[in-house]
């Protein structure tokens, strides 16, 4: 559940996360309206990309926070 909350915060607060969240919603809409397995698989791929970027950006923010402590 913590991962889902972290991804949600990433989508809400980070500009990259915001755009990825919008793209995810668009793909989800197409998957539901077309009832296409291919589009649904694209949704799974988008979710993996979203989690990847969330974790990558979180690591970058942790490095920046450590640098600010040194200054």
PDB file of N, CA and C in Angstrom:
ATOM      1  N   UNK A   1       0.814  -1.193   0.000  1.00  0.00           N
ATOM      2  CA  UNK A   1       0.000   0.000   0.000  1.00  0.00           C
ATOM      3  C   UNK A   1       0.863   1.264   0.000  1.00  0.00           C
ATOM      4  N   UNK A   2       2.049   1.155   0.613  1.00  0.00           N
ATOM      5  CA  UNK A   2       2.935   2.318   0.646  1.00  0.00           C
ATOM      6  C   UNK A   2       3.392   2.693  -0.761  1.00  0.00           C
ATOM      7  N   UNK A   3       3.640   1.678  -1.589  1.00  0.00           N
ATOM      8  CA  UNK A   3       4.069   1.952  -2.959  1.00  0.00           C
ATOM      9  C   UNK A   3       2.985   2.688  -3.735  1.00  0.00           C
ATOM     10  N   UNK A   4       1.743   2.269  -3.563  1.00  0.00           N
ATOM     11  CA  UNK A   4       0.640   2.932  -4.262  1.00  0.00           C
ATOM     12  C   UNK A   4       0.512   4.385  -3.811  1.00  0.00           C
ATOM     13  N   UNK A   5       0.668   4.626  -2.522  1.00  0.00           N
ATOM     14  CA  UNK A   5       0.594   5.990  -2.002  1.00  0.00           C
ATOM     15  C   UNK A   5       1.760   6.832  -2.527  1.00  0.00           C
ATOM     16  N   UNK A   6       2.940   6.223  -2.624  1.00  0.00           N
ATOM     17  CA  UNK A   6       4.107   6.952  -3.139  1.00  0.00           C
ATOM     18  C   UNK A   6       3.924   7.303  -4.614  1.00  0.00           C
ATOM     19  N   UNK A   7       3.377   6.372  -5.387  1.00  0.00           N
ATOM     20  CA  UNK A   7       3.134   6.648  -6.804  1.00  0.00           C
ATOM     21  C   UNK A   7       2.079   7.735  -6.943  1.00  0.00           C
ATOM     22  N   UNK A   8       1.028   7.680  -6.117  1.00  0.00           N
ATOM     23  CA  UNK A   8      -0.021   8.697  -6.174  1.00  0.00           C
ATOM     24  C   UNK A   8       0.546  10.086  -5.862  1.00  0.00           C
ATOM     25  N   UNK A   9       1.394  10.191  -4.855  1.00  0.00           N
ATOM     26  CA  UNK A   9       2.019  11.476  -4.523  1.00  0.00           C
ATOM     27  C   UNK A   9       2.919  11.948  -5.662  1.00  0.00           C
ATOM     28  N   UNK A  10       3.616  11.007  -6.302  1.00  0.00           N
ATOM     29  CA  UNK A  10       4.457  11.353  -7.443  1.00  0.00           C
ATOM     30  C   UNK A  10       3.619  11.931  -8.573  1.00  0.00           C
ATOM     31  N   UNK A  11       2.477  11.315  -8.852  1.00  0.00           N
ATOM     32  CA  UNK A  11       1.599  11.798  -9.920  1.00  0.00           C
ATOM     33  C   UNK A  11       1.024  13.164  -9.566  1.00  0.00           C
ATOM     34  N   UNK A  12       0.720  13.382  -8.308  1.00  0.00           N
ATOM     35  CA  UNK A  12       0.117  14.650  -7.900  1.00  0.00           C
ATOM     36  C   UNK A  12       1.104  15.796  -7.837  1.00  0.00           C
ATOM     37  N   UNK A  13       2.349  15.547  -7.435  1.00  0.00           N
ATOM     38  CA  UNK A  13       3.266  16.645  -7.136  1.00  0.00           C
ATOM     39  C   UNK A  13       4.374  16.874  -8.177  1.00  0.00           C
ATOM     40  N   UNK A  14       4.761  15.851  -8.904  1.00  0.00           N
ATOM     41  CA  UNK A  14       5.878  15.979  -9.841  1.00  0.00           C
ATOM     42  C   UNK A  14       5.356  16.232 -11.253  1.00  0.00           C
ATOM     43  N   UNK A  15       5.941  17.176 -11.991  1.00  0.00           N
ATOM     44  CA  UNK A  15       5.464  17.453 -13.359  1.00  0.00           C
ATOM     45  C   UNK A  15       5.571  16.239 -14.286  1.00  0.00           C
ATOM     46  N   UNK A  16       6.661  15.485 -14.189  1.00  0.00           N
ATOM     47  CA  UNK A  16       6.805  14.284 -15.014  1.00  0.00           C
ATOM     48  C   UNK A  16       5.741  13.267 -14.623  1.00  0.00           C
ATOM     49  N   UNK A  17       5.528  13.094 -13.337  1.00  0.00           N
ATOM     50  CA  UNK A  17       4.502  12.176 -12.861  1.00  0.00           C
ATOM     51  C   UNK A  17       3.114  12.597 -13.291  1.00  0.00           C
ATOM     52  N   UNK A  18       2.895  13.895 -13.317  1.00  0.00           N
ATOM     53  CA  UNK A  18       1.584  14.416 -13.735  1.00  0.00           C
ATOM     54  C   UNK A  18       1.294  14.028 -15.183  1.00  0.00           C
ATOM     55  N   UNK A  19       2.263  14.233 -16.061  1.00  0.00           N
ATOM     56  CA  UNK A  19       2.064  13.893 -17.472  1.00  0.00           C
ATOM     57  C   UNK A  19       1.940  12.398 -17.679  1.00  0.00           C
ATOM     58  N   UNK A  20       2.728  11.609 -16.939  1.00  0.00           N
ATOM     59  CA  UNK A  20       2.609  10.156 -17.046  1.00  0.00           C
ATOM     60  C   UNK A  20       1.249   9.682 -16.529  1.00  0.00           C
ATOM     61  N   UNK A  21       0.746  10.329 -15.493  1.00  0.00           N
ATOM     62  CA  UNK A  21      -0.580   9.985 -14.974  1.00  0.00           C
ATOM     63  C   UNK A  21      -1.674  10.285 -15.984  1.00  0.00           C
ATOM     64  N   UNK A  22      -1.558  11.398 -16.676  1.00  0.00           N
ATOM     65  CA  UNK A  22      -2.535  11.740 -17.716  1.00  0.00           C
ATOM     66  C   UNK A  22      -2.467  10.721 -18.861  1.00  0.00           C
ATOM     67  N   UNK A  23      -1.252  10.369 -19.261  1.00  0.00           N
ATOM     68  CA  UNK A  23      -1.096   9.369 -20.326  1.00  0.00           C
ATOM     69  C   UNK A  23      -1.695   8.037 -19.900  1.00  0.00           C
ATOM     70  N   UNK A  24      -1.493   7.661 -18.631  1.00  0.00           N
ATOM     71  CA  UNK A  24      -2.056   6.416 -18.107  1.00  0.00           C
ATOM     72  C   UNK A  24      -3.581   6.456 -18.167  1.00  0.00           C
ATOM     73  N   UNK A  25      -4.166   7.577 -17.782  1.00  0.00           N
ATOM     74  CA  UNK A  25      -5.628   7.703 -17.806  1.00  0.00           C
ATOM     75  C   UNK A  25      -6.173   7.607 -19.229  1.00  0.00           C
ATOM     76  N   UNK A  26      -5.473   8.202 -20.188  1.00  0.00           N
ATOM     77  CA  UNK A  26      -5.914   8.132 -21.588  1.00  0.00           C
ATOM     78  C   UNK A  26      -5.860   6.692 -22.090  1.00  0.00           C
ATOM     79  N   UNK A  27      -4.779   5.995 -21.788  1.00  0.00           N
ATOM     80  CA  UNK A  27      -4.669   4.594 -22.207  1.00  0.00           C
ATOM     81  C   UNK A  27      -5.737   3.750 -21.528  1.00  0.00           C
ATOM     82  N   UNK A  28      -6.011   4.021 -20.250  1.00  0.00           N
ATOM     83  CA  UNK A  28      -7.059   3.278 -19.541  1.00  0.00           C
ATOM     84  C   UNK A  28      -8.421   3.525 -20.179  1.00  0.00           C
ATOM     85  N   UNK A  29      -8.689   4.741 -20.580  1.00  0.00           N
ATOM     86  CA  UNK A  29      -9.961   5.056 -21.221  1.00  0.00           C
ATOM     87  C   UNK A  29     -10.112   4.286 -22.530  1.00  0.00           C
ATOM     88  N   UNK A  30      -9.047   4.274 -23.335  1.00  0.00           N
ATOM     89  CA  UNK A  30      -9.107   3.516 -24.593  1.00  0.00           C
ATOM     90  C   UNK A  30      -9.266   2.021 -24.336  1.00  0.00           C
ATOM     91  N   UNK A  31      -8.596   1.507 -23.314  1.00  0.00           N
ATOM     92  CA  UNK A  31      -8.716   0.079 -23.003  1.00  0.00           C
ATOM     93  C   UNK A  31     -10.149  -0.271 -22.629  1.00  0.00           C
ATOM     94  N   UNK A  32     -10.799   0.612 -21.886  1.00  0.00           N
ATOM     95  CA  UNK A  32     -12.184   0.345 -21.486  1.00  0.00           C
ATOM     96  C   UNK A  32     -13.166   0.510 -22.640  1.00  0.00           C
ATOM     97  N   UNK A  33     -12.960   1.517 -23.455  1.00  0.00           N
ATOM     98  CA  UNK A  33     -13.925   1.766 -24.525  1.00  0.00           C
ATOM     99  C   UNK A  33     -13.783   0.780 -25.672  1.00  0.00           C
ATOM    100  N   UNK A  34     -12.565   0.366 -25.973  1.00  0.00           N
ATOM    101  CA  UNK A  34     -12.372  -0.556 -27.084  1.00  0.00           C
ATOM    102  C   UNK A  34     -12.401  -2.015 -26.636  1.00  0.00           C
ATOM    103  N   UNK A  35     -12.308  -2.233 -25.318  1.00  0.00           N
ATOM    104  CA  UNK A  35     -12.213  -3.586 -24.765  1.00  0.00           C
ATOM    105  C   UNK A  35     -11.142  -4.406 -25.487  1.00  0.00           C
ATOM    106  N   UNK A  36     -10.004  -3.772 -25.640  1.00  0.00           N
ATOM    107  CA  UNK A  36      -8.899  -4.365 -26.387  1.00  0.00           C
ATOM    108  C   UNK A  36      -7.833  -4.886 -25.429  1.00  0.00           C
ATOM    109  N   UNK A  37      -7.432  -6.123 -25.630  1.00  0.00           N
ATOM    110  CA  UNK A  37      -6.382  -6.710 -24.804  1.00  0.00           C
ATOM    111  C   UNK A  37      -5.033  -6.036 -25.075  1.00  0.00           C
ATOM    112  N   UNK A  38      -4.804  -5.635 -26.298  1.00  0.00           N
ATOM    113  CA  UNK A  38      -3.554  -4.963 -26.646  1.00  0.00           C
ATOM    114  C   UNK A  38      -3.427  -3.630 -25.912  1.00  0.00           C
ATOM    115  N   UNK A  39      -4.502  -2.875 -25.880  1.00  0.00           N
ATOM    116  CA  UNK A  39      -4.472  -1.589 -25.181  1.00  0.00           C
ATOM    117  C   UNK A  39      -4.354  -1.818 -23.675  1.00  0.00           C
ATOM    118  N   UNK A  40      -4.977  -2.863 -23.171  1.00  0.00           N
ATOM    119  CA  UNK A  40      -4.854  -3.187 -21.746  1.00  0.00           C
ATOM    120  C   UNK A  40      -3.409  -3.549 -21.397  1.00  0.00           C
ATOM    121  N   UNK A  41      -2.723  -4.239 -22.297  1.00  0.00           N
ATOM    122  CA  UNK A  41      -1.313  -4.556 -22.064  1.00  0.00           C
ATOM    123  C   UNK A  41      -0.460  -3.280 -22.083  1.00  0.00           C
ATOM    124  N   UNK A  42      -0.842  -2.329 -22.925  1.00  0.00           N
ATOM    125  CA  UNK A  42      -0.166  -1.039 -22.938  1.00  0.00           C
ATOM    126  C   UNK A  42      -0.351  -0.325 -21.591  1.00  0.00           C
ATOM    127  N   UNK A  43      -1.510  -0.519 -20.989  1.00  0.00           N
ATOM    128  CA  UNK A  43      -1.776   0.058 -19.668  1.00  0.00           C
ATOM    129  C   UNK A  43      -0.831  -0.532 -18.624  1.00  0.00           C
ATOM    130  N   UNK A  44      -0.594  -1.828 -18.698  1.00  0.00           N
ATOM    131  CA  UNK A  44       0.358  -2.469 -17.787  1.00  0.00           C
ATOM    132  C   UNK A  44       1.759  -1.900 -18.010  1.00  0.00           C
ATOM    133  N   UNK A  45       2.132  -1.732 -19.272  1.00  0.00           N
ATOM    134  CA  UNK A  45       3.432  -1.149 -19.586  1.00  0.00           C
ATOM    135  C   UNK A  45       3.542   0.277 -19.052  1.00  0.00           C
ATOM    136  N   UNK A  46       2.492   1.072 -19.200  1.00  0.00           N
ATOM    137  CA  UNK A  46       2.486   2.447 -18.687  1.00  0.00           C
ATOM    138  C   UNK A  46       2.628   2.456 -17.158  1.00  0.00           C
ATOM    139  N   UNK A  47       2.004   1.498 -16.488  1.00  0.00           N
ATOM    140  CA  UNK A  47       2.118   1.418 -15.036  1.00  0.00           C
ATOM    141  C   UNK A  47       3.555   1.117 -14.629  1.00  0.00           C
ATOM    142  N   UNK A  48       4.201   0.228 -15.348  1.00  0.00           N
ATOM    143  CA  UNK A  48       5.597  -0.096 -15.054  1.00  0.00           C
ATOM    144  C   UNK A  48       6.481   1.125 -15.272  1.00  0.00           C
ATOM    145  N   UNK A  49       6.249   1.862 -16.341  1.00  0.00           N
ATOM    146  CA  UNK A  49       7.025   3.078 -16.620  1.00  0.00           C
ATOM    147  C   UNK A  49       6.784   4.118 -15.526  1.00  0.00           C
ATOM    148  N   UNK A  50       5.555   4.261 -15.096  1.00  0.00           N
ATOM    149  CA  UNK A  50       5.226   5.238 -14.053  1.00  0.00           C
ATOM    150  C   UNK A  50       5.945   4.906 -12.749  1.00  0.00           C
ATOM    151  N   UNK A  51       5.939   3.647 -12.350  1.00  0.00           N
ATOM    152  CA  UNK A  51       6.627   3.237 -11.124  1.00  0.00           C
ATOM    153  C   UNK A  51       8.134   3.418 -11.272  1.00  0.00           C
ATOM    154  N   UNK A  52       8.676   3.092 -12.451  1.00  0.00           N
ATOM    155  CA  UNK A  52      10.107   3.267 -12.689  1.00  0.00           C
ATOM    156  C   UNK A  52      10.516   4.728 -12.526  1.00  0.00           C
ATOM    157  N   UNK A  53       9.774   5.636 -13.163  1.00  0.00           N
ATOM    158  CA  UNK A  53      10.104   7.056 -13.061  1.00  0.00           C
ATOM    159  C   UNK A  53       9.910   7.571 -11.640  1.00  0.00           C
ATOM    160  N   UNK A  54       8.910   7.074 -10.943  1.00  0.00           N
ATOM    161  CA  UNK A  54       8.673   7.511  -9.565  1.00  0.00           C
ATOM    162  C   UNK A  54       9.864   7.137  -8.696  1.00  0.00           C
ATOM    163  N   UNK A  55      10.330   5.919  -8.813  1.00  0.00           N
ATOM    164  CA  UNK A  55      11.470   5.484  -7.996  1.00  0.00           C
ATOM    165  C   UNK A  55      12.746   6.199  -8.386  1.00  0.00           C
ATOM    166  N   UNK A  56      12.934   6.423  -9.677  1.00  0.00           N
ATOM    167  CA  UNK A  56      14.133   7.125 -10.139  1.00  0.00           C
ATOM    168  C   UNK A  56      14.150   8.568  -9.647  1.00  0.00           C
ATOM    169  N   UNK A  57      13.013   9.251  -9.752  1.00  0.00           N
ATOM    170  CA  UNK A  57      12.945  10.644  -9.299  1.00  0.00           C
ATOM    171  C   UNK A  57      13.091  10.733  -7.780  1.00  0.00           C
ATOM    172  N   UNK A  58      12.553   9.732  -7.065  1.00  0.00           N
ATOM    173  CA  UNK A  58      12.677   9.739  -5.607  1.00  0.00           C
ATOM    174  C   UNK A  58      14.139   9.623  -5.218  1.00  0.00           C
ATOM    175  N   UNK A  59      14.908   8.764  -5.899  1.00  0.00           N
ATOM    176  CA  UNK A  59      16.329   8.621  -5.613  1.00  0.00           C
ATOM    177  C   UNK A  59      17.077   9.917  -5.905  1.00  0.00           C
ATOM    178  N   UNK A  60      16.707  10.608  -6.974  1.00  0.00           N
ATOM    179  CA  UNK A  60      17.358  11.879  -7.299  1.00  0.00           C
ATOM    180  C   UNK A  60      17.056  12.925  -6.234  1.00  0.00           C
ATOM    181  N   UNK A  61      15.833  12.936  -5.726  1.00  0.00           N
ATOM    182  CA  UNK A  61      15.481  13.896  -4.689  1.00  0.00           C
ATOM    183  C   UNK A  61      16.224  13.596  -3.397  1.00  0.00           C
ATOM    184  N   UNK A  62      16.433  12.329  -3.080  1.00  0.00           N
ATOM    185  CA  UNK A  62      17.180  11.976  -1.873  1.00  0.00           C
ATOM    186  C   UNK A  62      18.624  12.436  -1.978  1.00  0.00           C
ATOM    187  N   UNK A  63      19.220  12.343  -3.162  1.00  0.00           N
ATOM    188  CA  UNK A  63      20.593  12.803  -3.356  1.00  0.00           C
ATOM    189  C   UNK A  63      20.647  14.311  -3.200  1.00  0.00           C
ATOM    190  N   UNK A  64      19.674  15.028  -3.752  1.00  0.00           N
ATOM    191  CA  UNK A  64      19.646  16.484  -3.614  1.00  0.00           C
ATOM    192  C   UNK A  64      19.461  16.897  -2.166  1.00  0.00           C
ATOM    193  N   UNK A  65      18.644  16.179  -1.419  1.00  0.00           N
ATOM    194  CA  UNK A  65      18.452  16.491  -0.006  1.00  0.00           C
ATOM    195  C   UNK A  65      19.739  16.282   0.770  1.00  0.00           C
ATOM    196  N   UNK A  66      20.493  15.237   0.455  1.00  0.00           N
ATOM    197  CA  UNK A  66      21.765  15.003   1.128  1.00  0.00           C
ATOM    198  C   UNK A  66      22.751  16.112   0.820  1.00  0.00           C
ATOM    199  N   UNK A  67      22.758  16.597  -0.408  1.00  0.00           N
ATOM    200  CA  UNK A  67      23.668  17.687  -0.771  1.00  0.00           C
ATOM    201  C   UNK A  67      23.305  18.973  -0.048  1.00  0.00           C
ATOM    202  N   UNK A  68      22.029  19.222   0.137  1.00  0.00           N
ATOM    203  CA  UNK A  68      21.603  20.443   0.836  1.00  0.00           C
ATOM    204  C   UNK A  68      22.044  20.394   2.297  1.00  0.00           C
ATOM    205  N   UNK A  69      22.082  19.215   2.881  1.00  0.00           N
ATOM    206  CA  UNK A  69      22.523  19.095   4.276  1.00  0.00           C
ATOM    207  C   UNK A  69      23.997  19.433   4.425  1.00  0.00           C
ATOM    208  N   UNK A  70      24.772  19.178   3.389  1.00  0.00           N
ATOM    209  CA  UNK A  70      26.210  19.440   3.449  1.00  0.00           C
ATOM    210  C   UNK A  70      26.537  20.921   3.318  1.00  0.00           C
ATOM    211  N   UNK A  71      25.654  21.664   2.683  1.00  0.00           N
ATOM    212  CA  UNK A  71      25.942  23.079   2.427  1.00  0.00           C
ATOM    213  C   UNK A  71      25.646  23.924   3.641  1.00  0.00           C
TER     214      UNK A  71
END
